[in-house]
Amino acid sequence: MADASASERAELMRRAASRKTRRATFSPARPTKWHPTSLVHPEDGEPFTTDNCWSFIIAAIANGAAVEAIEMRKPPGKRGFVLKLPGAGETIIYIKLELLADRVLGRSFHESTTSSDEEY
């Protein structure tokens, strides 16, 4: 698919900024692989926290990182957004987000690997 629109990018950032409008909870219909604390933040060398991973996403989008709009497999046909961002060392962080009616759902936050990226 194409890049996310300016309005989608703005909405992702707006919703990611508040604990009230962001989630990363697993469900069978919308599985997640959200493991920020297993990765090291490239700026401070410390593990990501459940909060600063969202700040990392917001900063990346605000600074012009590519945000690819994709068609999700679960649930089929829904629109999702993928970022592949440089992590610590050689690590690439794979992030997948989905905009729901009233929040952003974190679907993936883990080290990028070809085999696991599209599972969630």
N, C-alpha and C. Protein backbone atom coordinates (compact mmCIF):
# COMPACT_ATOMS: atom_id res chain seq x y z
N MET A 1 0.84 -1.19 0.00
CA MET A 1 0.00 0.00 0.00
C MET A 1 0.89 1.25 0.00
N ALA A 2 0.29 2.36 0.18
CA ALA A 2 0.97 3.65 0.09
C ALA A 2 1.39 4.16 1.47
N ASP A 3 2.02 5.32 1.46
CA ASP A 3 2.35 5.99 2.71
C ASP A 3 1.08 6.46 3.40
N ALA A 4 1.14 6.57 4.72
CA ALA A 4 0.03 7.11 5.48
C ALA A 4 -0.16 8.58 5.10
N SER A 5 -1.39 9.02 5.13
CA SER A 5 -1.69 10.42 4.82
C SER A 5 -1.27 11.31 5.98
N ALA A 6 -1.20 12.60 5.72
CA ALA A 6 -0.85 13.56 6.77
C ALA A 6 -1.84 13.50 7.92
N SER A 7 -3.11 13.33 7.62
CA SER A 7 -4.12 13.27 8.69
C SER A 7 -3.99 11.97 9.49
N GLU A 8 -3.64 10.86 8.83
CA GLU A 8 -3.44 9.60 9.56
C GLU A 8 -2.22 9.71 10.47
N ARG A 9 -1.14 10.30 9.96
CA ARG A 9 0.07 10.48 10.76
C ARG A 9 -0.25 11.34 11.99
N ALA A 10 -0.99 12.42 11.80
CA ALA A 10 -1.36 13.30 12.91
C ALA A 10 -2.22 12.56 13.93
N GLU A 11 -3.14 11.75 13.45
CA GLU A 11 -4.04 11.00 14.35
C GLU A 11 -3.26 9.94 15.12
N LEU A 12 -2.32 9.26 14.48
CA LEU A 12 -1.48 8.29 15.18
C LEU A 12 -0.72 8.97 16.31
N MET A 13 -0.13 10.12 16.03
CA MET A 13 0.63 10.85 17.05
C MET A 13 -0.28 11.33 18.18
N ARG A 14 -1.42 11.88 17.83
CA ARG A 14 -2.34 12.41 18.84
C ARG A 14 -2.80 11.32 19.79
N ARG A 15 -3.20 10.19 19.23
CA ARG A 15 -3.70 9.11 20.08
C ARG A 15 -2.58 8.43 20.86
N ALA A 16 -1.40 8.33 20.29
CA ALA A 16 -0.27 7.70 20.98
C ALA A 16 0.21 8.52 22.17
N ALA A 17 -0.12 9.80 22.19
CA ALA A 17 0.36 10.71 23.25
C ALA A 17 -0.33 10.52 24.59
N SER A 18 -1.47 9.86 24.62
CA SER A 18 -2.24 9.75 25.87
C SER A 18 -2.47 8.29 26.25
N ARG A 19 -2.30 7.99 27.51
CA ARG A 19 -2.60 6.64 28.00
C ARG A 19 -4.07 6.30 27.81
N LYS A 20 -4.92 7.30 27.72
CA LYS A 20 -6.35 7.06 27.53
C LYS A 20 -6.70 6.62 26.11
N THR A 21 -5.83 6.95 25.15
CA THR A 21 -6.17 6.66 23.75
C THR A 21 -5.15 5.74 23.08
N ARG A 22 -4.36 5.04 23.87
CA ARG A 22 -3.42 4.06 23.31
C ARG A 22 -3.52 2.76 24.09
N ARG A 23 -3.40 1.66 23.38
CA ARG A 23 -3.45 0.33 23.99
C ARG A 23 -2.52 -0.60 23.24
N ALA A 24 -2.17 -1.69 23.88
CA ALA A 24 -1.39 -2.75 23.23
C ALA A 24 -1.81 -4.09 23.82
N THR A 25 -3.10 -4.32 23.85
CA THR A 25 -3.63 -5.54 24.45
C THR A 25 -3.94 -6.58 23.39
N PHE A 26 -3.65 -7.82 23.72
CA PHE A 26 -3.85 -8.94 22.82
C PHE A 26 -5.32 -9.35 22.80
N SER A 27 -5.79 -9.72 21.62
CA SER A 27 -7.08 -10.40 21.48
C SER A 27 -6.94 -11.34 20.28
N PRO A 28 -7.71 -12.40 20.24
CA PRO A 28 -7.61 -13.31 19.10
C PRO A 28 -7.92 -12.62 17.76
N ALA A 29 -8.82 -11.67 17.77
CA ALA A 29 -9.16 -10.95 16.54
C ALA A 29 -8.08 -9.97 16.13
N ARG A 30 -7.36 -9.45 17.11
CA ARG A 30 -6.29 -8.47 16.87
C ARG A 30 -5.07 -8.86 17.69
N PRO A 31 -4.36 -9.91 17.27
CA PRO A 31 -3.20 -10.36 18.04
C PRO A 31 -2.08 -9.32 18.05
N THR A 32 -1.30 -9.35 19.11
CA THR A 32 -0.20 -8.41 19.24
C THR A 32 1.10 -9.14 19.56
N LYS A 33 2.18 -8.50 19.21
CA LYS A 33 3.52 -8.91 19.64
C LYS A 33 4.20 -7.63 20.09
N TRP A 34 3.81 -7.16 21.26
CA TRP A 34 4.22 -5.86 21.79
C TRP A 34 5.23 -6.10 22.91
N HIS A 35 6.52 -5.97 22.59
CA HIS A 35 7.58 -6.29 23.54
C HIS A 35 8.61 -5.17 23.63
N PRO A 36 8.20 -3.94 23.92
CA PRO A 36 9.18 -2.85 23.95
C PRO A 36 10.26 -3.04 25.01
N THR A 37 9.93 -3.62 26.15
CA THR A 37 10.91 -3.74 27.22
C THR A 37 12.03 -4.74 26.91
N SER A 38 11.88 -5.50 25.83
CA SER A 38 12.93 -6.44 25.43
C SER A 38 13.96 -5.78 24.51
N LEU A 39 13.72 -4.51 24.15
CA LEU A 39 14.62 -3.79 23.25
C LEU A 39 15.26 -2.60 23.96
N VAL A 40 16.43 -2.22 23.48
CA VAL A 40 17.17 -1.09 24.05
C VAL A 40 16.85 0.17 23.25
N HIS A 41 16.54 1.23 23.98
CA HIS A 41 16.28 2.53 23.34
C HIS A 41 17.59 3.04 22.75
N PRO A 42 17.59 3.43 21.48
CA PRO A 42 18.85 3.84 20.85
C PRO A 42 19.43 5.14 21.40
N GLU A 43 18.63 5.96 22.04
CA GLU A 43 19.13 7.24 22.53
C GLU A 43 19.80 7.16 23.89
N ASP A 44 19.33 6.29 24.78
CA ASP A 44 19.91 6.27 26.13
C ASP A 44 20.52 4.93 26.52
N GLY A 45 20.38 3.91 25.67
CA GLY A 45 20.98 2.61 25.96
C GLY A 45 20.27 1.81 27.02
N GLU A 46 19.13 2.31 27.49
CA GLU A 46 18.33 1.61 28.49
C GLU A 46 17.17 0.89 27.79
N PRO A 47 16.61 -0.14 28.43
CA PRO A 47 15.45 -0.80 27.82
C PRO A 47 14.29 0.19 27.66
N PHE A 48 13.53 0.00 26.61
CA PHE A 48 12.30 0.79 26.45
C PHE A 48 11.39 0.50 27.63
N THR A 49 10.53 1.46 27.94
CA THR A 49 9.49 1.27 28.94
C THR A 49 8.15 1.24 28.21
N THR A 50 7.10 0.91 28.94
CA THR A 50 5.78 0.88 28.32
C THR A 50 5.32 2.27 27.91
N ASP A 51 5.90 3.32 28.50
CA ASP A 51 5.54 4.68 28.10
C ASP A 51 6.48 5.25 27.04
N ASN A 52 7.80 5.11 27.23
CA ASN A 52 8.68 5.78 26.28
C ASN A 52 8.72 5.14 24.90
N CYS A 53 8.19 3.93 24.77
CA CYS A 53 8.08 3.37 23.43
C CYS A 53 7.09 4.19 22.60
N TRP A 54 6.04 4.69 23.25
CA TRP A 54 5.07 5.54 22.56
C TRP A 54 5.69 6.89 22.20
N SER A 55 6.49 7.45 23.10
CA SER A 55 7.18 8.71 22.80
C SER A 55 8.14 8.53 21.63
N PHE A 56 8.79 7.39 21.56
CA PHE A 56 9.69 7.05 20.47
C PHE A 56 8.93 7.03 19.13
N ILE A 57 7.75 6.42 19.14
CA ILE A 57 6.91 6.37 17.94
C ILE A 57 6.48 7.77 17.52
N ILE A 58 6.01 8.56 18.47
CA ILE A 58 5.56 9.92 18.17
C ILE A 58 6.70 10.74 17.57
N ALA A 59 7.88 10.68 18.19
CA ALA A 59 9.03 11.45 17.70
C ALA A 59 9.41 11.01 16.29
N ALA A 60 9.38 9.72 16.04
CA ALA A 60 9.74 9.22 14.70
C ALA A 60 8.77 9.74 13.64
N ILE A 61 7.48 9.67 13.93
CA ILE A 61 6.49 10.17 12.97
C ILE A 61 6.65 11.67 12.78
N ALA A 62 6.81 12.40 13.88
CA ALA A 62 6.96 13.86 13.81
C ALA A 62 8.20 14.27 13.01
N ASN A 63 9.24 13.44 13.07
CA ASN A 63 10.48 13.74 12.37
C ASN A 63 10.51 13.18 10.94
N GLY A 64 9.37 12.71 10.46
CA GLY A 64 9.26 12.32 9.06
C GLY A 64 9.57 10.88 8.72
N ALA A 65 9.62 9.99 9.72
CA ALA A 65 9.87 8.58 9.42
C ALA A 65 8.79 8.05 8.48
N ALA A 66 9.16 7.11 7.65
CA ALA A 66 8.20 6.47 6.75
C ALA A 66 7.16 5.72 7.58
N VAL A 67 5.90 5.93 7.24
CA VAL A 67 4.79 5.21 7.86
C VAL A 67 4.02 4.57 6.71
N GLU A 68 4.18 3.27 6.56
CA GLU A 68 3.54 2.56 5.46
C GLU A 68 2.14 2.12 5.86
N ALA A 69 1.16 2.48 5.07
CA ALA A 69 -0.21 2.01 5.28
C ALA A 69 -0.32 0.62 4.64
N ILE A 70 -0.84 -0.34 5.40
CA ILE A 70 -0.95 -1.71 4.92
C ILE A 70 -2.36 -2.23 5.14
N GLU A 71 -2.67 -3.33 4.48
CA GLU A 71 -3.92 -4.04 4.74
C GLU A 71 -3.61 -5.15 5.73
N MET A 72 -4.32 -5.14 6.84
CA MET A 72 -4.08 -6.13 7.89
C MET A 72 -4.63 -7.50 7.48
N ARG A 73 -3.99 -8.54 8.02
CA ARG A 73 -4.50 -9.90 7.81
C ARG A 73 -5.48 -10.28 8.92
N LYS A 74 -5.28 -9.73 10.12
CA LYS A 74 -6.19 -9.97 11.25
C LYS A 74 -6.48 -8.63 11.88
N PRO A 75 -7.67 -8.13 11.82
CA PRO A 75 -8.78 -8.63 11.02
C PRO A 75 -8.59 -8.31 9.54
N PRO A 76 -9.05 -9.20 8.70
CA PRO A 76 -8.84 -9.03 7.26
C PRO A 76 -9.41 -7.72 6.73
N GLY A 77 -8.62 -7.08 5.89
CA GLY A 77 -9.07 -5.88 5.19
C GLY A 77 -8.95 -4.59 5.97
N LYS A 78 -8.65 -4.64 7.26
CA LYS A 78 -8.51 -3.40 8.04
C LYS A 78 -7.17 -2.75 7.72
N ARG A 79 -7.11 -1.46 7.93
CA ARG A 79 -5.92 -0.68 7.60
C ARG A 79 -5.00 -0.60 8.82
N GLY A 80 -3.72 -0.83 8.59
CA GLY A 80 -2.72 -0.72 9.64
C GLY A 80 -1.58 0.15 9.16
N PHE A 81 -0.63 0.41 10.05
CA PHE A 81 0.49 1.30 9.74
C PHE A 81 1.77 0.69 10.28
N VAL A 82 2.79 0.62 9.44
CA VAL A 82 4.05 -0.01 9.80
C VAL A 82 5.18 1.01 9.75
N LEU A 83 6.00 0.98 10.79
CA LEU A 83 7.24 1.75 10.85
C LEU A 83 8.37 0.77 11.08
N LYS A 84 9.47 0.98 10.43
CA LYS A 84 10.69 0.20 10.67
C LYS A 84 11.76 1.22 11.02
N LEU A 85 12.11 1.25 12.30
CA LEU A 85 12.97 2.30 12.83
C LEU A 85 14.29 1.75 13.33
N PRO A 86 15.36 2.52 13.19
CA PRO A 86 16.64 2.07 13.72
C PRO A 86 16.61 2.01 15.24
N GLY A 87 17.07 0.88 15.76
CA GLY A 87 17.18 0.71 17.19
C GLY A 87 18.64 0.82 17.59
N ALA A 88 18.98 0.25 18.72
CA ALA A 88 20.36 0.26 19.19
C ALA A 88 21.20 -0.70 18.34
N GLY A 89 22.42 -0.30 18.05
CA GLY A 89 23.30 -1.14 17.24
C GLY A 89 22.74 -1.37 15.85
N GLU A 90 22.69 -2.62 15.45
CA GLU A 90 22.19 -3.00 14.13
C GLU A 90 20.69 -3.32 14.12
N THR A 91 20.05 -3.19 15.26
CA THR A 91 18.65 -3.58 15.40
C THR A 91 17.73 -2.65 14.61
N ILE A 92 16.77 -3.25 13.93
CA ILE A 92 15.67 -2.52 13.31
C ILE A 92 14.43 -2.87 14.12
N ILE A 93 13.70 -1.86 14.55
CA ILE A 93 12.49 -2.07 15.34
C ILE A 93 11.29 -2.04 14.41
N TYR A 94 10.52 -3.13 14.45
CA TYR A 94 9.31 -3.26 13.65
C TYR A 94 8.12 -2.84 14.51
N ILE A 95 7.38 -1.86 14.04
CA ILE A 95 6.22 -1.33 14.77
C ILE A 95 5.02 -1.37 13.86
N LYS A 96 3.93 -1.93 14.36
CA LYS A 96 2.67 -1.93 13.61
C LYS A 96 1.60 -1.34 14.52
N LEU A 97 0.83 -0.42 13.96
CA LEU A 97 -0.24 0.26 14.69
C LEU A 97 -1.54 0.14 13.92
N GLU A 98 -2.64 0.21 14.64
CA GLU A 98 -3.96 0.20 14.01
C GLU A 98 -4.82 1.27 14.67
N LEU A 99 -5.43 2.10 13.86
CA LEU A 99 -6.36 3.10 14.38
C LEU A 99 -7.73 2.46 14.53
N LEU A 100 -8.24 2.47 15.75
CA LEU A 100 -9.60 2.01 16.02
C LEU A 100 -10.49 3.23 16.17
N ALA A 101 -11.74 3.03 16.50
CA ALA A 101 -12.69 4.14 16.55
C ALA A 101 -12.23 5.27 17.49
N ASP A 102 -11.67 4.90 18.64
CA ASP A 102 -11.34 5.93 19.63
C ASP A 102 -9.92 5.84 20.18
N ARG A 103 -9.08 4.98 19.61
CA ARG A 103 -7.72 4.84 20.13
C ARG A 103 -6.80 4.26 19.06
N VAL A 104 -5.51 4.24 19.40
CA VAL A 104 -4.53 3.57 18.55
C VAL A 104 -4.15 2.28 19.28
N LEU A 105 -4.11 1.21 18.54
CA LEU A 105 -3.75 -0.09 19.09
C LEU A 105 -2.35 -0.45 18.63
N GLY A 106 -1.46 -0.67 19.58
CA GLY A 106 -0.13 -1.14 19.26
C GLY A 106 -0.19 -2.63 18.98
N ARG A 107 0.11 -3.01 17.75
CA ARG A 107 0.02 -4.42 17.36
C ARG A 107 1.39 -5.11 17.39
N SER A 108 2.45 -4.38 17.05
CA SER A 108 3.80 -4.96 17.05
C SER A 108 4.81 -3.92 17.51
N PHE A 109 5.73 -4.35 18.33
CA PHE A 109 6.90 -3.57 18.72
C PHE A 109 7.94 -4.59 19.11
N HIS A 110 8.80 -4.92 18.18
CA HIS A 110 9.81 -5.96 18.40
C HIS A 110 10.90 -5.81 17.37
N GLU A 111 11.97 -6.58 17.54
CA GLU A 111 13.05 -6.56 16.57
C GLU A 111 12.53 -7.11 15.25
N SER A 112 12.87 -6.43 14.17
CA SER A 112 12.41 -6.83 12.85
C SER A 112 13.12 -8.10 12.40
N THR A 113 12.31 -9.08 12.03
CA THR A 113 12.80 -10.28 11.38
C THR A 113 11.83 -10.61 10.27
N THR A 114 12.31 -11.05 9.17
CA THR A 114 11.44 -11.34 8.02
C THR A 114 10.34 -12.31 8.37
N SER A 115 10.65 -13.31 9.17
CA SER A 115 9.66 -14.36 9.46
C SER A 115 8.58 -13.92 10.42
N SER A 116 8.85 -13.00 11.34
CA SER A 116 7.86 -12.68 12.36
C SER A 116 7.14 -11.35 12.15
N ASP A 117 7.63 -10.51 11.26
CA ASP A 117 7.06 -9.17 11.11
C ASP A 117 5.57 -9.19 10.80
N GLU A 118 5.14 -10.05 9.92
CA GLU A 118 3.76 -9.99 9.46
C GLU A 118 2.81 -10.87 10.24
N GLU A 119 3.29 -11.54 11.28
CA GLU A 119 2.42 -12.40 12.06
C GLU A 119 1.37 -11.61 12.83
N TYR A 120 1.69 -10.39 13.20
CA TYR A 120 0.80 -9.62 14.06
C TYR A 120 0.51 -8.31 13.42
